[in-house]
Amino acid sequence: MFDIIIVGGGPSGMTAALYALRSSKTVLILEKESFGGQIATSPRVENFPTHQSISGLQLSDLMFEQIMNLGANFELECVTDIQKNNQGFIVSTNYHTYESKTVIIANGVKHRRMNLANEEHLIGKGISYCAVCDGAFYKGQETYVIGDANSALQYALMLANYCPKVHLFTLFDRFFSDDILQKRVLTNNKIEVRHNLNLISYVGETQLEGLTFQDTKTKEIINFKTNNVFIAIGQIPNNDMFKNLVDLDNGYIVVDQNMETKTNGLFAIGDTRVKQVRQLVTACNDGAIAAVSALKYLD
């Protein structure tokens, strides 16, 4: 019986573990892939306090080392179910079943991929899913954004603040975003919008070198040379397995200011929850709040 089981080994989950371990609680972290979460794929992190510049993998390594030195238990297993009983929670994985007095869900989200050859290999090597995180690395350069909803337009507007030209590509002949964002994009002379373009391949083996599109109407093949592209075609939460214990809003978990769900003793943090800003520092903030809330619940 653990005091706290944390589902997910990203920054929010590891921060929650840090606070819990420093209060002498037993903690098990269950991660299905590898610790660090999405930030581990970022080549440089320059918006996290204390480090002027550090790779996402280095930062993840430091966080992981810190909690392991404090006695965290860590297993690479995929959580398949969580059930509540009189003693606490039963957490099932693809290998084992664990018991815990409290649970913190920190399973994050996945950025929707284009599902093209070499895409996974080029993430962090020209392909990015977060202009807030990586946009500044291309200051003074032409940048490329793919997407047609709010995030894509917000990325284009932000990049236009420090890039001479931003190319914004959409699959269809229109935007699916707020009117105010459309007006801002269409009146910004640094942003060039191209509709009806379907990305069909990335150019480059070890580093992104270009993009190949096909016009969905004329079938013309169009090539662009670039060392960067920001993909903003949506995020995918994976919370259906928890729907018997939590309320969901468009797939994201609803929590209160203490990061607690509608089930006492069950918390949710980071990108998996309903929130406005999904950044490394806000993920850590969530982890700290949830851990302190869990400690009060345990006491």
C-alpha atoms as a PDB file:
ATOM      1  CA  MET A   1       0.000   0.000   0.000  1.00  0.00           C
ATOM      2  CA  PHE A   2       1.621   3.229  -1.200  1.00  0.00           C
ATOM      3  CA  ASP A   3       0.720   6.644   0.138  1.00  0.00           C
ATOM      4  CA  ILE A   4       0.614   8.122  -3.370  1.00  0.00           C
ATOM      5  CA  ILE A   5       0.648   6.598  -6.829  1.00  0.00           C
ATOM      6  CA  ILE A   6       1.431   9.040  -9.635  1.00  0.00           C
ATOM      7  CA  VAL A   7       0.315   8.114 -13.152  1.00  0.00           C
ATOM      8  CA  GLY A   8       2.859   9.744 -15.455  1.00  0.00           C
ATOM      9  CA  GLY A   9       6.527  10.627 -15.196  1.00  0.00           C
ATOM     10  CA  GLY A  10       6.595  14.095 -16.734  1.00  0.00           C
ATOM     11  CA  PRO A  11       7.529  17.347 -14.959  1.00  0.00           C
ATOM     12  CA  SER A  12       4.187  17.648 -13.143  1.00  0.00           C
ATOM     13  CA  GLY A  13       4.327  14.069 -11.887  1.00  0.00           C
ATOM     14  CA  MET A  14       7.961  14.313 -10.812  1.00  0.00           C
ATOM     15  CA  THR A  15       7.320  17.610  -9.010  1.00  0.00           C
ATOM     16  CA  ALA A  16       4.428  16.018  -7.121  1.00  0.00           C
ATOM     17  CA  ALA A  17       6.728  13.122  -6.208  1.00  0.00           C
ATOM     18  CA  LEU A  18       9.384  15.545  -4.968  1.00  0.00           C
ATOM     19  CA  TYR A  19       7.014  17.274  -2.557  1.00  0.00           C
ATOM     20  CA  ALA A  20       5.531  13.997  -1.325  1.00  0.00           C
ATOM     21  CA  LEU A  21       8.910  12.327  -0.791  1.00  0.00           C
ATOM     22  CA  ARG A  22      10.215  15.303   1.168  1.00  0.00           C
ATOM     23  CA  SER A  23       7.285  14.718   3.516  1.00  0.00           C
ATOM     24  CA  SER A  24       8.347  11.086   4.007  1.00  0.00           C
ATOM     25  CA  LYS A  25       5.507   9.567   2.008  1.00  0.00           C
ATOM     26  CA  THR A  26       5.856   6.409  -0.074  1.00  0.00           C
ATOM     27  CA  VAL A  27       5.499   7.188  -3.767  1.00  0.00           C
ATOM     28  CA  LEU A  28       5.193   5.009  -6.864  1.00  0.00           C
ATOM     29  CA  ILE A  29       5.422   6.592 -10.317  1.00  0.00           C
ATOM     30  CA  LEU A  30       3.948   4.612 -13.204  1.00  0.00           C
ATOM     31  CA  GLU A  31       5.078   5.731 -16.659  1.00  0.00           C
ATOM     32  CA  LYS A  32       4.212   3.870 -19.863  1.00  0.00           C
ATOM     33  CA  GLU A  33       7.035   5.181 -22.075  1.00  0.00           C
ATOM     34  CA  SER A  34       9.933   7.136 -20.585  1.00  0.00           C
ATOM     35  CA  PHE A  35      10.264   9.753 -17.871  1.00  0.00           C
ATOM     36  CA  GLY A  36      10.323  13.411 -18.814  1.00  0.00           C
ATOM     37  CA  GLY A  37       7.181  13.600 -20.910  1.00  0.00           C
ATOM     38  CA  GLN A  38       6.999  15.915 -23.920  1.00  0.00           C
ATOM     39  CA  ILE A  39       9.657  18.295 -22.620  1.00  0.00           C
ATOM     40  CA  ALA A  40      12.283  15.544 -22.944  1.00  0.00           C
ATOM     41  CA  THR A  41      12.078  15.925 -26.738  1.00  0.00           C
ATOM     42  CA  SER A  42      12.802  19.685 -26.686  1.00  0.00           C
ATOM     43  CA  PRO A  43      16.360  20.496 -27.812  1.00  0.00           C
ATOM     44  CA  ARG A  44      16.539  23.627 -25.673  1.00  0.00           C
ATOM     45  CA  VAL A  45      14.564  24.964 -22.722  1.00  0.00           C
ATOM     46  CA  GLU A  46      15.111  28.646 -22.013  1.00  0.00           C
ATOM     47  CA  ASN A  47      11.931  29.611 -20.141  1.00  0.00           C
ATOM     48  CA  PHE A  48      12.406  27.616 -16.946  1.00  0.00           C
ATOM     49  CA  PRO A  49      13.764  29.429 -13.850  1.00  0.00           C
ATOM     50  CA  THR A  50      17.419  28.762 -12.848  1.00  0.00           C
ATOM     51  CA  HIS A  51      18.566  27.562 -16.294  1.00  0.00           C
ATOM     52  CA  GLN A  52      19.364  30.085 -19.010  1.00  0.00           C
ATOM     53  CA  SER A  53      19.525  27.206 -21.472  1.00  0.00           C
ATOM     54  CA  ILE A  54      19.259  23.460 -20.985  1.00  0.00           C
ATOM     55  CA  SER A  55      17.993  20.603 -23.120  1.00  0.00           C
ATOM     56  CA  GLY A  56      14.671  19.085 -22.170  1.00  0.00           C
ATOM     57  CA  LEU A  57      16.346  15.708 -21.723  1.00  0.00           C
ATOM     58  CA  GLN A  58      18.986  17.126 -19.360  1.00  0.00           C
ATOM     59  CA  LEU A  59      16.317  18.831 -17.294  1.00  0.00           C
ATOM     60  CA  SER A  60      14.280  15.629 -17.141  1.00  0.00           C
ATOM     61  CA  ASP A  61      17.380  13.685 -16.083  1.00  0.00           C
ATOM     62  CA  LEU A  62      18.017  16.113 -13.233  1.00  0.00           C
ATOM     63  CA  MET A  63      14.418  15.937 -12.024  1.00  0.00           C
ATOM     64  CA  PHE A  64      14.417  12.144 -12.206  1.00  0.00           C
ATOM     65  CA  GLU A  65      17.742  11.857 -10.377  1.00  0.00           C
ATOM     66  CA  GLN A  66      16.462  14.134  -7.626  1.00  0.00           C
ATOM     67  CA  ILE A  67      13.354  12.087  -6.875  1.00  0.00           C
ATOM     68  CA  MET A  68      15.142   8.754  -7.159  1.00  0.00           C
ATOM     69  CA  ASN A  69      17.710   9.933  -4.608  1.00  0.00           C
ATOM     70  CA  LEU A  70      14.792  10.685  -2.283  1.00  0.00           C
ATOM     71  CA  GLY A  71      13.492   7.129  -2.592  1.00  0.00           C
ATOM     72  CA  ALA A  72      10.868   7.212  -5.321  1.00  0.00           C
ATOM     73  CA  ASN A  73       9.638   3.921  -6.742  1.00  0.00           C
ATOM     74  CA  PHE A  74       9.441   3.940 -10.529  1.00  0.00           C
ATOM     75  CA  GLU A  75       7.987   1.376 -12.937  1.00  0.00           C
ATOM     76  CA  LEU A  76       7.646   1.444 -16.720  1.00  0.00           C
ATOM     77  CA  GLU A  77       4.086   0.157 -16.961  1.00  0.00           C
ATOM     78  CA  CYS A  78       0.925   1.328 -18.698  1.00  0.00           C
ATOM     79  CA  VAL A  79      -2.004   2.088 -16.399  1.00  0.00           C
ATOM     80  CA  THR A  80      -5.183   0.447 -17.675  1.00  0.00           C
ATOM     81  CA  ASP A  81      -7.666   1.116 -14.861  1.00  0.00           C
ATOM     82  CA  ILE A  82      -8.192   2.868 -11.517  1.00  0.00           C
ATOM     83  CA  GLN A  83     -10.833   1.784  -9.015  1.00  0.00           C
ATOM     84  CA  LYS A  84     -11.704   3.237  -5.600  1.00  0.00           C
ATOM     85  CA  ASN A  85     -12.412   1.101  -2.533  1.00  0.00           C
ATOM     86  CA  ASN A  86     -12.716   1.670   1.224  1.00  0.00           C
ATOM     87  CA  GLN A  87      -8.946   1.597   1.718  1.00  0.00           C
ATOM     88  CA  GLY A  88      -8.081   3.917  -1.168  1.00  0.00           C
ATOM     89  CA  PHE A  89      -7.419   3.007  -4.785  1.00  0.00           C
ATOM     90  CA  ILE A  90      -6.526  -0.035  -6.865  1.00  0.00           C
ATOM     91  CA  VAL A  91      -4.376   0.855  -9.878  1.00  0.00           C
ATOM     92  CA  SER A  92      -4.087  -1.783 -12.587  1.00  0.00           C
ATOM     93  CA  THR A  93      -1.386  -1.825 -15.262  1.00  0.00           C
ATOM     94  CA  ASN A  94      -0.508  -4.101 -18.156  1.00  0.00           C
ATOM     95  CA  TYR A  95       1.678  -6.069 -15.722  1.00  0.00           C
ATOM     96  CA  HIS A  96       0.585  -5.634 -12.104  1.00  0.00           C
ATOM     97  CA  THR A  97      -1.994  -4.294  -9.671  1.00  0.00           C
ATOM     98  CA  TYR A  98      -1.029  -1.753  -7.000  1.00  0.00           C
ATOM     99  CA  GLU A  99      -2.800  -0.248  -3.996  1.00  0.00           C
ATOM    100  CA  SER A 100      -2.549   3.337  -2.829  1.00  0.00           C
ATOM    101  CA  LYS A 101      -4.236   5.722  -0.416  1.00  0.00           C
ATOM    102  CA  THR A 102      -4.243   8.510  -3.020  1.00  0.00           C
ATOM    103  CA  VAL A 103      -3.640   8.827  -6.757  1.00  0.00           C
ATOM    104  CA  ILE A 104      -2.384  11.734  -8.856  1.00  0.00           C
ATOM    105  CA  ILE A 105      -3.105  11.502 -12.603  1.00  0.00           C
ATOM    106  CA  ALA A 106      -0.345  13.185 -14.607  1.00  0.00           C
ATOM    107  CA  ASN A 107      -0.575  11.292 -17.883  1.00  0.00           C
ATOM    108  CA  GLY A 108      -0.395  14.399 -20.079  1.00  0.00           C
ATOM    109  CA  VAL A 109      -1.610  14.567 -23.658  1.00  0.00           C
ATOM    110  CA  LYS A 110      -0.197  13.737 -27.027  1.00  0.00           C
ATOM    111  CA  HIS A 111       0.114  16.271 -29.801  1.00  0.00           C
ATOM    112  CA  ARG A 112      -1.707  15.061 -32.874  1.00  0.00           C
ATOM    113  CA  ARG A 113       0.850  13.934 -35.434  1.00  0.00           C
ATOM    114  CA  MET A 114       0.852  14.189 -39.218  1.00  0.00           C
ATOM    115  CA  ASN A 115       1.816  10.470 -39.243  1.00  0.00           C
ATOM    116  CA  LEU A 116       4.409  10.858 -41.972  1.00  0.00           C
ATOM    117  CA  ALA A 117       7.681   9.019 -42.473  1.00  0.00           C
ATOM    118  CA  ASN A 118      10.582  10.292 -40.349  1.00  0.00           C
ATOM    119  CA  GLU A 119       8.284  12.496 -38.264  1.00  0.00           C
ATOM    120  CA  GLU A 120       9.179  10.997 -34.887  1.00  0.00           C
ATOM    121  CA  HIS A 121      12.889  11.134 -35.695  1.00  0.00           C
ATOM    122  CA  LEU A 122      12.761  14.836 -36.624  1.00  0.00           C
ATOM    123  CA  ILE A 123      10.896  15.994 -33.506  1.00  0.00           C
ATOM    124  CA  GLY A 124      13.249  18.463 -31.838  1.00  0.00           C
ATOM    125  CA  LYS A 125      15.301  18.627 -35.042  1.00  0.00           C
ATOM    126  CA  GLY A 126      13.101  21.101 -36.852  1.00  0.00           C
ATOM    127  CA  ILE A 127       9.641  19.708 -36.067  1.00  0.00           C
ATOM    128  CA  SER A 128       7.998  21.256 -33.028  1.00  0.00           C
ATOM    129  CA  TYR A 129       4.495  21.186 -31.562  1.00  0.00           C
ATOM    130  CA  CYS A 130       4.942  24.219 -29.299  1.00  0.00           C
ATOM    131  CA  ALA A 131       5.821  27.658 -30.661  1.00  0.00           C
ATOM    132  CA  VAL A 132       5.718  29.082 -27.133  1.00  0.00           C
ATOM    133  CA  CYS A 133       8.488  26.657 -26.173  1.00  0.00           C
ATOM    134  CA  ASP A 134      10.641  26.672 -29.317  1.00  0.00           C
ATOM    135  CA  GLY A 135       9.632  29.676 -31.415  1.00  0.00           C
ATOM    136  CA  ALA A 136      12.350  31.999 -30.078  1.00  0.00           C
ATOM    137  CA  PHE A 137      15.033  29.679 -31.456  1.00  0.00           C
ATOM    138  CA  TYR A 138      14.059  30.852 -34.945  1.00  0.00           C
ATOM    139  CA  LYS A 139      14.116  34.565 -34.237  1.00  0.00           C
ATOM    140  CA  GLY A 140      14.995  36.482 -37.401  1.00  0.00           C
ATOM    141  CA  GLN A 141      14.135  33.515 -39.649  1.00  0.00           C
ATOM    142  CA  GLU A 142      11.136  32.620 -41.775  1.00  0.00           C
ATOM    143  CA  THR A 143       8.920  30.182 -39.875  1.00  0.00           C
ATOM    144  CA  TYR A 144       6.247  27.709 -40.912  1.00  0.00           C
ATOM    145  CA  VAL A 145       3.016  26.756 -39.128  1.00  0.00           C
ATOM    146  CA  ILE A 146       0.496  24.046 -40.053  1.00  0.00           C
ATOM    147  CA  GLY A 147      -3.019  24.228 -38.620  1.00  0.00           C
ATOM    148  CA  ASP A 148      -6.340  26.025 -38.926  1.00  0.00           C
ATOM    149  CA  ALA A 149      -7.700  26.461 -35.385  1.00  0.00           C
ATOM    150  CA  ASN A 150      -6.953  28.822 -32.495  1.00  0.00           C
ATOM    151  CA  SER A 151      -3.569  27.370 -31.524  1.00  0.00           C
ATOM    152  CA  ALA A 152      -2.171  27.600 -35.048  1.00  0.00           C
ATOM    153  CA  LEU A 153      -3.275  31.207 -35.461  1.00  0.00           C
ATOM    154  CA  GLN A 154      -1.950  32.145 -32.036  1.00  0.00           C
ATOM    155  CA  TYR A 155       1.388  30.548 -32.929  1.00  0.00           C
ATOM    156  CA  ALA A 156       1.531  32.509 -36.195  1.00  0.00           C
ATOM    157  CA  LEU A 157       0.785  35.804 -34.448  1.00  0.00           C
ATOM    158  CA  MET A 158       3.369  35.145 -31.750  1.00  0.00           C
ATOM    159  CA  LEU A 159       6.075  34.162 -34.263  1.00  0.00           C
ATOM    160  CA  ALA A 160       5.350  37.292 -36.300  1.00  0.00           C
ATOM    161  CA  ASN A 161       6.583  39.354 -33.340  1.00  0.00           C
ATOM    162  CA  TYR A 162      10.189  38.325 -33.987  1.00  0.00           C
ATOM    163  CA  CYS A 163      10.251  36.581 -37.360  1.00  0.00           C
ATOM    164  CA  PRO A 164      10.322  38.474 -40.684  1.00  0.00           C
ATOM    165  CA  LYS A 165       7.755  36.142 -42.278  1.00  0.00           C
ATOM    166  CA  VAL A 166       5.429  33.405 -41.079  1.00  0.00           C
ATOM    167  CA  HIS A 167       3.901  30.894 -43.496  1.00  0.00           C
ATOM    168  CA  LEU A 168       0.577  29.509 -42.265  1.00  0.00           C
ATOM    169  CA  PHE A 169      -0.829  26.466 -44.063  1.00  0.00           C
ATOM    170  CA  THR A 170      -4.324  24.977 -43.706  1.00  0.00           C
ATOM    171  CA  LEU A 171      -5.719  21.731 -45.085  1.00  0.00           C
ATOM    172  CA  PHE A 172      -9.105  23.191 -45.955  1.00  0.00           C
ATOM    173  CA  ASP A 173     -10.209  26.476 -47.519  1.00  0.00           C
ATOM    174  CA  ARG A 174     -11.053  28.170 -44.228  1.00  0.00           C
ATOM    175  CA  PHE A 175     -10.086  28.633 -40.596  1.00  0.00           C
ATOM    176  CA  PHE A 176     -11.817  26.949 -37.647  1.00  0.00           C
ATOM    177  CA  SER A 177     -10.892  29.603 -35.118  1.00  0.00           C
ATOM    178  CA  ASP A 178     -12.198  32.658 -33.300  1.00  0.00           C
ATOM    179  CA  ASP A 179     -13.069  35.573 -35.577  1.00  0.00           C
ATOM    180  CA  ILE A 180     -10.789  37.968 -33.727  1.00  0.00           C
ATOM    181  CA  LEU A 181      -7.774  35.727 -34.361  1.00  0.00           C
ATOM    182  CA  GLN A 182      -8.638  35.455 -38.053  1.00  0.00           C
ATOM    183  CA  LYS A 183      -8.827  39.234 -38.370  1.00  0.00           C
ATOM    184  CA  ARG A 184      -5.468  39.660 -36.666  1.00  0.00           C
ATOM    185  CA  VAL A 185      -3.808  37.071 -38.865  1.00  0.00           C
ATOM    186  CA  LEU A 186      -5.282  38.334 -42.116  1.00  0.00           C
ATOM    187  CA  THR A 187      -4.284  41.937 -41.369  1.00  0.00           C
ATOM    188  CA  ASN A 188      -0.731  41.072 -40.301  1.00  0.00           C
ATOM    189  CA  ASN A 189       1.558  41.698 -43.271  1.00  0.00           C
ATOM    190  CA  LYS A 190       4.182  39.321 -41.871  1.00  0.00           C
ATOM    191  CA  ILE A 191       1.845  36.322 -42.111  1.00  0.00           C
ATOM    192  CA  GLU A 192       1.220  34.622 -45.434  1.00  0.00           C
ATOM    193  CA  VAL A 193      -1.758  32.237 -45.447  1.00  0.00           C
ATOM    194  CA  ARG A 194      -2.024  29.318 -47.889  1.00  0.00           C
ATOM    195  CA  HIS A 195      -5.208  27.217 -47.903  1.00  0.00           C
ATOM    196  CA  ASN A 196      -5.932  23.757 -49.326  1.00  0.00           C
ATOM    197  CA  LEU A 197      -2.444  22.375 -48.790  1.00  0.00           C
ATOM    198  CA  ASN A 198      -1.871  18.849 -47.497  1.00  0.00           C
ATOM    199  CA  LEU A 199       1.570  18.045 -46.092  1.00  0.00           C
ATOM    200  CA  ILE A 200       2.717  14.791 -47.706  1.00  0.00           C
ATOM    201  CA  SER A 201       6.359  14.518 -46.632  1.00  0.00           C
ATOM    202  CA  TYR A 202       9.202  15.959 -44.591  1.00  0.00           C
ATOM    203  CA  VAL A 203      12.513  16.540 -46.329  1.00  0.00           C
ATOM    204  CA  GLY A 204      15.641  15.657 -44.354  1.00  0.00           C
ATOM    205  CA  GLU A 205      17.148  12.629 -42.653  1.00  0.00           C
ATOM    206  CA  THR A 206      18.863  13.935 -39.499  1.00  0.00           C
ATOM    207  CA  GLN A 207      17.562  17.525 -39.612  1.00  0.00           C
ATOM    208  CA  LEU A 208      14.464  19.050 -41.184  1.00  0.00           C
ATOM    209  CA  GLU A 209      15.399  20.593 -44.529  1.00  0.00           C
ATOM    210  CA  GLY A 210      12.042  21.145 -46.192  1.00  0.00           C
ATOM    211  CA  LEU A 211       8.331  20.432 -46.554  1.00  0.00           C
ATOM    212  CA  THR A 212       6.403  18.931 -49.464  1.00  0.00           C
ATOM    213  CA  PHE A 213       2.716  19.756 -49.898  1.00  0.00           C
ATOM    214  CA  GLN A 214       0.030  18.798 -52.365  1.00  0.00           C
ATOM    215  CA  ASP A 215      -2.682  21.258 -53.312  1.00  0.00           C
ATOM    216  CA  THR A 216      -5.950  19.465 -52.513  1.00  0.00           C
ATOM    217  CA  LYS A 217      -7.740  21.106 -55.444  1.00  0.00           C
ATOM    218  CA  THR A 218      -5.177  21.299 -58.265  1.00  0.00           C
ATOM    219  CA  LYS A 219      -3.071  18.307 -57.067  1.00  0.00           C
ATOM    220  CA  GLU A 220       0.038  20.433 -57.664  1.00  0.00           C
ATOM    221  CA  ILE A 221       3.132  19.453 -55.633  1.00  0.00           C
ATOM    222  CA  ILE A 222       4.689  22.411 -53.791  1.00  0.00           C
ATOM    223  CA  ASN A 223       8.041  22.363 -51.995  1.00  0.00           C
ATOM    224  CA  PHE A 224       9.412  24.709 -49.341  1.00  0.00           C
ATOM    225  CA  LYS A 225      12.940  24.771 -47.985  1.00  0.00           C
ATOM    226  CA  THR A 226      12.973  25.303 -44.227  1.00  0.00           C
ATOM    227  CA  ASN A 227      14.662  24.157 -41.035  1.00  0.00           C
ATOM    228  CA  ASN A 228      11.484  24.526 -38.950  1.00  0.00           C
ATOM    229  CA  VAL A 229       7.796  23.768 -38.805  1.00  0.00           C
ATOM    230  CA  PHE A 230       5.272  24.100 -35.992  1.00  0.00           C
ATOM    231  CA  ILE A 231       2.479  21.532 -36.111  1.00  0.00           C
ATOM    232  CA  ALA A 232      -0.719  22.749 -34.438  1.00  0.00           C
ATOM    233  CA  ILE A 233      -3.462  20.328 -35.418  1.00  0.00           C
ATOM    234  CA  GLY A 234      -4.733  19.471 -31.951  1.00  0.00           C
ATOM    235  CA  GLN A 235      -3.943  17.509 -28.827  1.00  0.00           C
ATOM    236  CA  ILE A 236      -5.215  14.123 -27.743  1.00  0.00           C
ATOM    237  CA  PRO A 237      -6.018  13.471 -24.058  1.00  0.00           C
ATOM    238  CA  ASN A 238      -6.378   9.854 -22.964  1.00  0.00           C
ATOM    239  CA  ASN A 239      -8.738   9.941 -20.001  1.00  0.00           C
ATOM    240  CA  ASP A 240     -11.654   7.694 -20.949  1.00  0.00           C
ATOM    241  CA  MET A 241     -10.396   5.010 -18.571  1.00  0.00           C
ATOM    242  CA  PHE A 242     -10.945   7.408 -15.641  1.00  0.00           C
ATOM    243  CA  LYS A 243     -14.439   8.627 -16.578  1.00  0.00           C
ATOM    244  CA  ASN A 244     -16.090   6.643 -13.769  1.00  0.00           C
ATOM    245  CA  LEU A 245     -14.097   8.707 -11.242  1.00  0.00           C
ATOM    246  CA  VAL A 246     -13.728  12.143 -12.870  1.00  0.00           C
ATOM    247  CA  ASP A 247     -15.680  14.717 -14.842  1.00  0.00           C
ATOM    248  CA  LEU A 248     -14.384  15.336 -18.359  1.00  0.00           C
ATOM    249  CA  ASP A 249     -14.541  18.485 -20.481  1.00  0.00           C
ATOM    250  CA  ASN A 250     -13.634  17.741 -24.115  1.00  0.00           C
ATOM    251  CA  GLY A 251     -11.597  14.825 -22.822  1.00  0.00           C
ATOM    252  CA  TYR A 252      -9.703  16.853 -20.196  1.00  0.00           C
ATOM    253  CA  ILE A 253     -10.116  16.192 -16.468  1.00  0.00           C
ATOM    254  CA  VAL A 254     -11.990  18.787 -14.407  1.00  0.00           C
ATOM    255  CA  VAL A 255     -10.341  19.680 -11.070  1.00  0.00           C
ATOM    256  CA  ASP A 256     -10.745  22.330  -8.393  1.00  0.00           C
ATOM    257  CA  GLN A 257      -8.097  24.813  -7.235  1.00  0.00           C
ATOM    258  CA  ASN A 258      -6.506  22.050  -5.147  1.00  0.00           C
ATOM    259  CA  MET A 259      -6.133  19.847  -8.242  1.00  0.00           C
ATOM    260  CA  GLU A 260      -8.696  17.421  -6.798  1.00  0.00           C
ATOM    261  CA  THR A 261     -11.252  15.654  -8.985  1.00  0.00           C
ATOM    262  CA  LYS A 262     -14.815  14.865  -7.967  1.00  0.00           C
ATOM    263  CA  THR A 263     -13.451  11.730  -6.249  1.00  0.00           C
ATOM    264  CA  ASN A 264     -11.869  12.405  -2.871  1.00  0.00           C
ATOM    265  CA  GLY A 265      -8.196  11.475  -2.869  1.00  0.00           C
ATOM    266  CA  LEU A 266      -7.892  11.512  -6.668  1.00  0.00           C
ATOM    267  CA  PHE A 267      -6.020  14.429  -8.231  1.00  0.00           C
ATOM    268  CA  ALA A 268      -5.130  15.446 -11.801  1.00  0.00           C
ATOM    269  CA  ILE A 269      -2.296  17.719 -12.908  1.00  0.00           C
ATOM    270  CA  GLY A 270      -0.472  19.021 -15.957  1.00  0.00           C
ATOM    271  CA  ASP A 271      -1.689  18.900 -19.532  1.00  0.00           C
ATOM    272  CA  THR A 272      -4.300  16.232 -18.803  1.00  0.00           C
ATOM    273  CA  ARG A 273      -6.506  18.652 -16.851  1.00  0.00           C
ATOM    274  CA  VAL A 274      -8.667  21.555 -17.993  1.00  0.00           C
ATOM    275  CA  LYS A 275      -6.400  24.631 -18.029  1.00  0.00           C
ATOM    276  CA  GLN A 276      -5.500  27.675 -20.091  1.00  0.00           C
ATOM    277  CA  VAL A 277      -1.693  27.518 -20.113  1.00  0.00           C
ATOM    278  CA  ARG A 278       0.170  24.277 -20.755  1.00  0.00           C
ATOM    279  CA  GLN A 279       3.816  25.015 -20.053  1.00  0.00           C
ATOM    280  CA  LEU A 280       6.656  23.372 -18.150  1.00  0.00           C
ATOM    281  CA  VAL A 281       6.481  25.819 -15.279  1.00  0.00           C
ATOM    282  CA  THR A 282       2.692  25.519 -14.908  1.00  0.00           C
ATOM    283  CA  ALA A 283       3.011  21.720 -14.918  1.00  0.00           C
ATOM    284  CA  CYS A 284       5.411  21.944 -11.986  1.00  0.00           C
ATOM    285  CA  ASN A 285       3.015  24.334 -10.262  1.00  0.00           C
ATOM    286  CA  ASP A 286       0.210  21.787 -10.606  1.00  0.00           C
ATOM    287  CA  GLY A 287       2.432  19.055  -9.186  1.00  0.00           C
ATOM    288  CA  ALA A 288       3.307  21.063  -6.099  1.00  0.00           C
ATOM    289  CA  ILE A 289      -0.334  21.965  -5.402  1.00  0.00           C
ATOM    290  CA  ALA A 290      -1.564  18.396  -5.890  1.00  0.00           C
ATOM    291  CA  ALA A 291       1.118  16.943  -3.628  1.00  0.00           C
ATOM    292  CA  VAL A 292       0.352  19.393  -0.830  1.00  0.00           C
ATOM    293  CA  SER A 293      -3.377  18.667  -1.264  1.00  0.00           C
ATOM    294  CA  ALA A 294      -2.706  14.932  -1.167  1.00  0.00           C
ATOM    295  CA  LEU A 295      -0.623  15.317   1.996  1.00  0.00           C
ATOM    296  CA  LYS A 296      -3.504  17.148   3.699  1.00  0.00           C
ATOM    297  CA  TYR A 297      -5.888  14.417   2.553  1.00  0.00           C
ATOM    298  CA  LEU A 298      -3.589  11.707   3.954  1.00  0.00           C
ATOM    299  CA  ASP A 299      -3.199  13.524   7.272  1.00  0.00           C
END
